[in-house]
Amino acid sequence: MEDEGVADAVLERVQEYWRTLGLSDEVLIDSLSADCLSRGRRLVSRTHSEALLRRALEEAQRRFDHALAAAFGLPPSNDPYPLAAARAAFLMAPDISADTLFRHDDTTRQLRESLAGQLPQSTPPESPLEMLPVPLDFWLFQSTDR
């Protein structure tokens, strides 16, 4: 059986993590933290407090990233760079509360426009160039130069 002190300590750390990410609504923090702790309990043995904390924090980060991706209209993909750029722009914005990500109302939809200027842009802008064809000759399954 899991020690209540361990669960309380993990729950407190997850709540602290949500506050670090910019959440301020205590009801939302409590709800999200309890969900993350519950998910962490399903993934690890109840006797490993470090593993439980790690899993609960991973779940909090996953939920934050999913909310951020939804707010920015980013499709789920294997490319982490657009999400990392959105996370950096969001966390660097001083006047925006992370509670906005979880409201799913007009403020969430307006978030992308308000942060568009802070998203990193490639410098110089991408400019694909044409490549000249290179003829290859093969001899015994190896390419040779002409």
N, C-alpha and C. Protein backbone atom coordinates (compact mmCIF):
# COMPACT_ATOMS: atom_id res chain seq x y z
N MET A 1 0.84 -1.19 0.00
CA MET A 1 0.00 0.00 0.00
C MET A 1 0.89 1.25 0.00
N GLU A 2 0.53 2.22 -0.80
CA GLU A 2 1.29 3.45 -0.92
C GLU A 2 1.15 4.30 0.34
N ASP A 3 2.23 4.83 0.79
CA ASP A 3 2.24 5.71 1.95
C ASP A 3 1.58 7.04 1.58
N GLU A 4 0.65 7.51 2.40
CA GLU A 4 -0.04 8.77 2.11
C GLU A 4 0.92 9.95 2.09
N GLY A 5 1.97 9.89 2.90
CA GLY A 5 2.96 10.95 2.90
C GLY A 5 3.68 11.06 1.57
N VAL A 6 3.94 9.90 0.94
CA VAL A 6 4.59 9.90 -0.37
C VAL A 6 3.66 10.52 -1.40
N ALA A 7 2.39 10.12 -1.39
CA ALA A 7 1.43 10.66 -2.34
C ALA A 7 1.26 12.16 -2.15
N ASP A 8 1.19 12.61 -0.91
CA ASP A 8 1.05 14.04 -0.65
C ASP A 8 2.28 14.81 -1.12
N ALA A 9 3.46 14.25 -0.90
CA ALA A 9 4.69 14.91 -1.33
C ALA A 9 4.76 15.00 -2.85
N VAL A 10 4.38 13.93 -3.53
CA VAL A 10 4.38 13.93 -5.00
C VAL A 10 3.34 14.92 -5.51
N LEU A 11 2.16 14.92 -4.91
CA LEU A 11 1.10 15.84 -5.33
C LEU A 11 1.55 17.29 -5.15
N GLU A 12 2.22 17.57 -4.05
CA GLU A 12 2.71 18.93 -3.81
C GLU A 12 3.76 19.34 -4.85
N ARG A 13 4.64 18.43 -5.21
CA ARG A 13 5.67 18.73 -6.22
C ARG A 13 5.04 18.97 -7.59
N VAL A 14 4.01 18.18 -7.92
CA VAL A 14 3.34 18.36 -9.21
C VAL A 14 2.60 19.70 -9.23
N GLN A 15 1.97 20.06 -8.12
CA GLN A 15 1.31 21.36 -8.04
C GLN A 15 2.32 22.50 -8.19
N GLU A 16 3.46 22.34 -7.57
CA GLU A 16 4.53 23.33 -7.69
C GLU A 16 5.01 23.45 -9.14
N TYR A 17 5.08 22.31 -9.83
CA TYR A 17 5.49 22.30 -11.23
C TYR A 17 4.49 23.06 -12.09
N TRP A 18 3.19 22.85 -11.85
CA TRP A 18 2.17 23.57 -12.61
C TRP A 18 2.29 25.07 -12.37
N ARG A 19 2.57 25.47 -11.14
CA ARG A 19 2.74 26.90 -10.85
C ARG A 19 3.97 27.45 -11.58
N THR A 20 5.03 26.65 -11.65
CA THR A 20 6.24 27.06 -12.37
C THR A 20 5.94 27.26 -13.85
N LEU A 21 5.05 26.45 -14.39
CA LEU A 21 4.66 26.60 -15.80
C LEU A 21 3.73 27.79 -16.03
N GLY A 22 3.28 28.43 -14.94
CA GLY A 22 2.49 29.65 -15.09
C GLY A 22 1.03 29.53 -14.75
N LEU A 23 0.58 28.40 -14.24
CA LEU A 23 -0.81 28.29 -13.84
C LEU A 23 -1.02 29.00 -12.51
N SER A 24 -2.18 29.61 -12.35
CA SER A 24 -2.47 30.31 -11.10
C SER A 24 -3.82 29.92 -10.51
N ASP A 25 -4.71 29.33 -11.30
CA ASP A 25 -6.02 28.90 -10.81
C ASP A 25 -5.84 27.65 -9.95
N GLU A 26 -6.03 27.80 -8.65
CA GLU A 26 -5.78 26.69 -7.72
C GLU A 26 -6.69 25.49 -7.96
N VAL A 27 -7.93 25.73 -8.35
CA VAL A 27 -8.84 24.61 -8.64
C VAL A 27 -8.33 23.82 -9.84
N LEU A 28 -7.88 24.52 -10.87
CA LEU A 28 -7.32 23.86 -12.05
C LEU A 28 -6.04 23.11 -11.70
N ILE A 29 -5.18 23.74 -10.91
CA ILE A 29 -3.93 23.10 -10.49
C ILE A 29 -4.22 21.83 -9.70
N ASP A 30 -5.15 21.89 -8.77
CA ASP A 30 -5.49 20.70 -7.97
C ASP A 30 -6.04 19.58 -8.84
N SER A 31 -6.91 19.94 -9.78
CA SER A 31 -7.51 18.93 -10.66
C SER A 31 -6.47 18.28 -11.56
N LEU A 32 -5.64 19.10 -12.21
CA LEU A 32 -4.61 18.57 -13.10
C LEU A 32 -3.59 17.74 -12.32
N SER A 33 -3.21 18.19 -11.13
CA SER A 33 -2.23 17.47 -10.32
C SER A 33 -2.77 16.11 -9.89
N ALA A 34 -4.02 16.08 -9.47
CA ALA A 34 -4.63 14.81 -9.07
C ALA A 34 -4.69 13.84 -10.25
N ASP A 35 -5.01 14.35 -11.44
CA ASP A 35 -5.03 13.49 -12.63
C ASP A 35 -3.64 12.97 -12.96
N CYS A 36 -2.63 13.82 -12.85
CA CYS A 36 -1.26 13.40 -13.14
C CYS A 36 -0.79 12.36 -12.13
N LEU A 37 -1.12 12.54 -10.88
CA LEU A 37 -0.76 11.56 -9.85
C LEU A 37 -1.45 10.23 -10.10
N SER A 38 -2.72 10.29 -10.47
CA SER A 38 -3.47 9.06 -10.76
C SER A 38 -2.86 8.32 -11.94
N ARG A 39 -2.50 9.05 -12.97
CA ARG A 39 -1.87 8.43 -14.14
C ARG A 39 -0.51 7.84 -13.77
N GLY A 40 0.24 8.56 -12.97
CA GLY A 40 1.54 8.06 -12.52
C GLY A 40 1.41 6.79 -11.70
N ARG A 41 0.38 6.69 -10.88
CA ARG A 41 0.15 5.49 -10.07
C ARG A 41 -0.11 4.27 -10.93
N ARG A 42 -0.76 4.48 -12.08
CA ARG A 42 -1.06 3.35 -12.95
C ARG A 42 0.18 2.84 -13.68
N LEU A 43 1.21 3.69 -13.78
CA LEU A 43 2.38 3.34 -14.58
C LEU A 43 3.56 2.80 -13.78
N VAL A 44 3.54 2.96 -12.46
CA VAL A 44 4.68 2.53 -11.66
C VAL A 44 4.21 1.75 -10.44
N SER A 45 5.15 1.09 -9.81
CA SER A 45 4.90 0.40 -8.56
C SER A 45 4.62 1.43 -7.47
N ARG A 46 3.76 1.12 -6.57
CA ARG A 46 3.37 2.07 -5.52
C ARG A 46 4.47 2.30 -4.49
N THR A 47 5.50 1.50 -4.51
CA THR A 47 6.55 1.64 -3.50
C THR A 47 7.71 2.52 -3.95
N HIS A 48 7.73 2.93 -5.20
CA HIS A 48 8.84 3.75 -5.72
C HIS A 48 8.40 5.20 -5.84
N SER A 49 8.72 6.00 -4.83
CA SER A 49 8.28 7.39 -4.82
C SER A 49 8.98 8.21 -5.91
N GLU A 50 10.27 7.92 -6.19
CA GLU A 50 10.98 8.67 -7.23
C GLU A 50 10.37 8.40 -8.59
N ALA A 51 10.04 7.16 -8.87
CA ALA A 51 9.44 6.81 -10.15
C ALA A 51 8.04 7.42 -10.26
N LEU A 52 7.30 7.42 -9.16
CA LEU A 52 5.96 8.01 -9.17
C LEU A 52 6.06 9.51 -9.45
N LEU A 53 6.99 10.18 -8.82
CA LEU A 53 7.17 11.61 -9.06
C LEU A 53 7.57 11.86 -10.51
N ARG A 54 8.50 11.08 -11.03
CA ARG A 54 8.94 11.25 -12.42
C ARG A 54 7.77 11.06 -13.39
N ARG A 55 7.00 10.01 -13.18
CA ARG A 55 5.86 9.74 -14.07
C ARG A 55 4.79 10.82 -13.97
N ALA A 56 4.52 11.31 -12.77
CA ALA A 56 3.52 12.35 -12.59
C ALA A 56 3.97 13.65 -13.26
N LEU A 57 5.26 13.98 -13.14
CA LEU A 57 5.78 15.18 -13.80
C LEU A 57 5.80 15.03 -15.31
N GLU A 58 6.10 13.82 -15.79
CA GLU A 58 6.05 13.56 -17.23
C GLU A 58 4.63 13.75 -17.76
N GLU A 59 3.66 13.29 -16.99
CA GLU A 59 2.25 13.45 -17.39
C GLU A 59 1.87 14.93 -17.39
N ALA A 60 2.34 15.69 -16.41
CA ALA A 60 2.06 17.12 -16.39
C ALA A 60 2.66 17.80 -17.63
N GLN A 61 3.89 17.45 -17.98
CA GLN A 61 4.52 18.03 -19.16
C GLN A 61 3.78 17.63 -20.42
N ARG A 62 3.34 16.38 -20.49
CA ARG A 62 2.59 15.92 -21.66
C ARG A 62 1.28 16.69 -21.80
N ARG A 63 0.57 16.88 -20.70
CA ARG A 63 -0.69 17.62 -20.75
C ARG A 63 -0.46 19.08 -21.13
N PHE A 64 0.60 19.67 -20.59
CA PHE A 64 0.91 21.05 -20.94
C PHE A 64 1.20 21.17 -22.43
N ASP A 65 2.02 20.26 -22.95
CA ASP A 65 2.36 20.28 -24.38
C ASP A 65 1.14 20.07 -25.26
N HIS A 66 0.24 19.17 -24.87
CA HIS A 66 -0.97 18.93 -25.66
C HIS A 66 -1.86 20.17 -25.66
N ALA A 67 -2.01 20.82 -24.50
CA ALA A 67 -2.82 22.03 -24.42
C ALA A 67 -2.19 23.14 -25.25
N LEU A 68 -0.88 23.25 -25.20
CA LEU A 68 -0.16 24.26 -25.97
C LEU A 68 -0.30 24.01 -27.47
N ALA A 69 -0.15 22.77 -27.88
CA ALA A 69 -0.29 22.43 -29.30
C ALA A 69 -1.71 22.73 -29.78
N ALA A 70 -2.70 22.41 -28.97
CA ALA A 70 -4.08 22.70 -29.36
C ALA A 70 -4.32 24.20 -29.46
N ALA A 71 -3.79 24.97 -28.53
CA ALA A 71 -3.98 26.43 -28.55
C ALA A 71 -3.30 27.07 -29.76
N PHE A 72 -2.14 26.56 -30.15
CA PHE A 72 -1.41 27.10 -31.29
C PHE A 72 -1.84 26.48 -32.61
N GLY A 73 -2.72 25.50 -32.56
CA GLY A 73 -3.18 24.85 -33.79
C GLY A 73 -2.11 23.99 -34.43
N LEU A 74 -1.21 23.45 -33.61
CA LEU A 74 -0.15 22.60 -34.14
C LEU A 74 -0.65 21.17 -34.27
N PRO A 75 -0.43 20.55 -35.40
CA PRO A 75 -0.85 19.15 -35.54
C PRO A 75 0.09 18.23 -34.77
N PRO A 76 -0.43 17.12 -34.29
CA PRO A 76 0.48 16.16 -33.64
C PRO A 76 1.43 15.61 -34.70
N SER A 77 2.71 15.65 -34.38
CA SER A 77 3.70 15.16 -35.35
C SER A 77 4.93 14.71 -34.59
N ASN A 78 5.87 14.20 -35.34
CA ASN A 78 7.13 13.77 -34.76
C ASN A 78 8.17 14.89 -34.75
N ASP A 79 7.78 16.07 -35.26
CA ASP A 79 8.70 17.20 -35.32
C ASP A 79 8.55 18.02 -34.04
N PRO A 80 9.53 17.98 -33.14
CA PRO A 80 9.38 18.69 -31.86
C PRO A 80 9.65 20.19 -31.95
N TYR A 81 10.21 20.67 -33.05
CA TYR A 81 10.65 22.05 -33.11
C TYR A 81 9.51 23.08 -33.07
N PRO A 82 8.41 22.91 -33.80
CA PRO A 82 7.34 23.91 -33.69
C PRO A 82 6.76 23.98 -32.27
N LEU A 83 6.62 22.84 -31.62
CA LEU A 83 6.10 22.85 -30.25
C LEU A 83 7.11 23.48 -29.29
N ALA A 84 8.38 23.20 -29.48
CA ALA A 84 9.41 23.82 -28.63
C ALA A 84 9.42 25.33 -28.83
N ALA A 85 9.25 25.78 -30.06
CA ALA A 85 9.20 27.23 -30.33
C ALA A 85 7.97 27.85 -29.67
N ALA A 86 6.83 27.18 -29.76
CA ALA A 86 5.61 27.69 -29.13
C ALA A 86 5.77 27.72 -27.62
N ARG A 87 6.38 26.68 -27.05
CA ARG A 87 6.60 26.64 -25.60
C ARG A 87 7.50 27.78 -25.16
N ALA A 88 8.58 28.03 -25.89
CA ALA A 88 9.49 29.11 -25.55
C ALA A 88 8.79 30.46 -25.63
N ALA A 89 8.04 30.68 -26.69
CA ALA A 89 7.33 31.96 -26.84
C ALA A 89 6.31 32.14 -25.72
N PHE A 90 5.62 31.08 -25.39
CA PHE A 90 4.60 31.17 -24.34
C PHE A 90 5.22 31.43 -22.98
N LEU A 91 6.27 30.69 -22.65
CA LEU A 91 6.87 30.83 -21.32
C LEU A 91 7.63 32.15 -21.16
N MET A 92 8.01 32.78 -22.27
CA MET A 92 8.70 34.05 -22.20
C MET A 92 7.73 35.23 -22.18
N ALA A 93 6.46 35.00 -22.46
CA ALA A 93 5.48 36.08 -22.45
C ALA A 93 5.10 36.39 -21.01
N PRO A 94 5.36 37.61 -20.55
CA PRO A 94 5.15 37.91 -19.13
C PRO A 94 3.68 38.10 -18.74
N ASP A 95 2.83 38.50 -19.66
CA ASP A 95 1.47 38.88 -19.30
C ASP A 95 0.42 37.80 -19.53
N ILE A 96 0.83 36.61 -19.91
CA ILE A 96 -0.13 35.56 -20.24
C ILE A 96 -0.09 34.47 -19.19
N SER A 97 -1.26 34.11 -18.68
CA SER A 97 -1.36 33.04 -17.70
C SER A 97 -1.51 31.71 -18.42
N ALA A 98 -0.88 30.69 -17.90
CA ALA A 98 -1.00 29.35 -18.49
C ALA A 98 -2.40 28.79 -18.31
N ASP A 99 -3.19 29.37 -17.42
CA ASP A 99 -4.58 28.95 -17.26
C ASP A 99 -5.33 29.07 -18.59
N THR A 100 -4.89 30.03 -19.43
CA THR A 100 -5.51 30.27 -20.73
C THR A 100 -5.50 29.01 -21.59
N LEU A 101 -4.45 28.21 -21.49
CA LEU A 101 -4.33 27.01 -22.32
C LEU A 101 -5.43 26.00 -22.04
N PHE A 102 -5.93 25.98 -20.81
CA PHE A 102 -6.89 24.96 -20.41
C PHE A 102 -8.33 25.47 -20.36
N ARG A 103 -8.56 26.72 -20.77
CA ARG A 103 -9.91 27.28 -20.73
C ARG A 103 -10.74 26.87 -21.94
N HIS A 104 -10.13 26.73 -23.10
CA HIS A 104 -10.82 26.35 -24.34
C HIS A 104 -11.94 27.33 -24.67
N ASP A 105 -11.64 28.61 -24.59
CA ASP A 105 -12.62 29.64 -24.95
C ASP A 105 -11.95 30.65 -25.87
N ASP A 106 -12.53 31.84 -25.98
CA ASP A 106 -11.98 32.85 -26.89
C ASP A 106 -10.55 33.26 -26.53
N THR A 107 -10.23 33.28 -25.24
CA THR A 107 -8.87 33.68 -24.85
C THR A 107 -7.84 32.67 -25.34
N THR A 108 -8.22 31.40 -25.36
CA THR A 108 -7.31 30.37 -25.88
C THR A 108 -7.11 30.56 -27.38
N ARG A 109 -8.18 30.86 -28.09
CA ARG A 109 -8.08 31.05 -29.54
C ARG A 109 -7.28 32.31 -29.89
N GLN A 110 -7.30 33.32 -29.04
CA GLN A 110 -6.57 34.56 -29.30
C GLN A 110 -5.10 34.45 -28.93
N LEU A 111 -4.74 33.40 -28.26
CA LEU A 111 -3.37 33.24 -27.78
C LEU A 111 -2.37 33.22 -28.93
N ARG A 112 -2.68 32.52 -29.99
CA ARG A 112 -1.73 32.40 -31.11
C ARG A 112 -1.44 33.75 -31.75
N GLU A 113 -2.47 34.57 -31.94
CA GLU A 113 -2.25 35.89 -32.54
C GLU A 113 -1.40 36.78 -31.62
N SER A 114 -1.63 36.68 -30.33
CA SER A 114 -0.89 37.55 -29.42
C SER A 114 0.58 37.15 -29.30
N LEU A 115 0.90 35.89 -29.57
CA LEU A 115 2.29 35.44 -29.46
C LEU A 115 2.98 35.27 -30.81
N ALA A 116 2.28 35.56 -31.89
CA ALA A 116 2.86 35.34 -33.22
C ALA A 116 4.17 36.09 -33.41
N GLY A 117 4.28 37.28 -32.86
CA GLY A 117 5.51 38.07 -33.01
C GLY A 117 6.69 37.51 -32.23
N GLN A 118 6.42 36.69 -31.23
CA GLN A 118 7.50 36.13 -30.42
C GLN A 118 7.98 34.76 -30.90
N LEU A 119 7.25 34.16 -31.84
CA LEU A 119 7.69 32.87 -32.37
C LEU A 119 8.95 33.06 -33.19
N PRO A 120 9.93 32.19 -33.02
CA PRO A 120 11.17 32.35 -33.78
C PRO A 120 10.94 32.15 -35.27
N GLN A 121 11.63 32.95 -36.05
CA GLN A 121 11.58 32.85 -37.51
C GLN A 121 12.97 32.47 -38.00
N SER A 122 13.01 31.69 -39.06
CA SER A 122 14.31 31.32 -39.59
C SER A 122 14.98 32.54 -40.21
N THR A 123 16.28 32.67 -39.97
CA THR A 123 17.03 33.81 -40.48
C THR A 123 18.26 33.29 -41.19
N PRO A 124 18.50 33.55 -42.40
CA PRO A 124 17.56 34.19 -43.32
C PRO A 124 16.40 33.25 -43.63
N PRO A 125 15.36 33.78 -44.26
CA PRO A 125 14.22 32.91 -44.58
C PRO A 125 14.65 31.72 -45.43
N GLU A 126 13.97 30.63 -45.24
CA GLU A 126 14.32 29.43 -46.01
C GLU A 126 14.18 29.71 -47.49
N SER A 127 15.13 29.23 -48.27
CA SER A 127 15.12 29.43 -49.71
C SER A 127 15.66 28.18 -50.36
N PRO A 128 14.76 27.25 -50.70
CA PRO A 128 15.25 26.01 -51.31
C PRO A 128 15.88 26.27 -52.68
N LEU A 129 16.98 25.61 -52.93
CA LEU A 129 17.68 25.73 -54.20
C LEU A 129 17.58 24.42 -54.96
N GLU A 130 17.68 24.55 -56.27
CA GLU A 130 17.66 23.34 -57.09
C GLU A 130 19.03 22.69 -57.06
N MET A 131 19.04 21.39 -57.03
CA MET A 131 20.30 20.65 -57.09
C MET A 131 20.50 20.14 -58.51
N LEU A 132 21.74 20.22 -58.96
CA LEU A 132 22.06 19.69 -60.27
C LEU A 132 22.12 18.17 -60.18
N PRO A 133 21.64 17.50 -61.20
CA PRO A 133 21.73 16.04 -61.17
C PRO A 133 23.18 15.57 -61.24
N VAL A 134 23.49 14.55 -60.48
CA VAL A 134 24.83 13.98 -60.47
C VAL A 134 24.73 12.56 -61.01
N PRO A 135 25.37 12.32 -62.14
CA PRO A 135 25.29 10.97 -62.70
C PRO A 135 26.14 10.00 -61.87
N LEU A 136 25.63 8.85 -61.65
CA LEU A 136 26.35 7.82 -60.91
C LEU A 136 26.48 6.57 -61.77
N ASP A 137 27.63 5.99 -61.70
CA ASP A 137 27.87 4.71 -62.36
C ASP A 137 28.12 3.68 -61.27
N PHE A 138 27.61 2.48 -61.50
CA PHE A 138 27.80 1.42 -60.52
C PHE A 138 28.58 0.28 -61.15
N TRP A 139 29.52 -0.21 -60.41
CA TRP A 139 30.28 -1.37 -60.82
C TRP A 139 30.45 -2.26 -59.60
N LEU A 140 30.02 -3.47 -59.68
CA LEU A 140 30.01 -4.41 -58.56
C LEU A 140 29.35 -3.81 -57.33
N PHE A 141 28.15 -3.24 -57.53
CA PHE A 141 27.30 -2.70 -56.47
C PHE A 141 27.93 -1.51 -55.73
N GLN A 142 28.91 -0.85 -56.31
CA GLN A 142 29.50 0.34 -55.72
C GLN A 142 29.49 1.45 -56.75
N SER A 143 29.26 2.67 -56.26
CA SER A 143 29.26 3.79 -57.20
C SER A 143 30.71 4.17 -57.52
N THR A 144 30.90 4.63 -58.72
CA THR A 144 32.22 5.09 -59.13
C THR A 144 32.10 6.51 -59.68
N ASP A 145 33.17 7.27 -59.55
CA ASP A 145 33.17 8.63 -60.09
C ASP A 145 33.45 8.58 -61.57
N ARG A 146 32.95 9.54 -62.29
CA ARG A 146 33.19 9.61 -63.72
C ARG A 146 34.45 10.35 -64.00
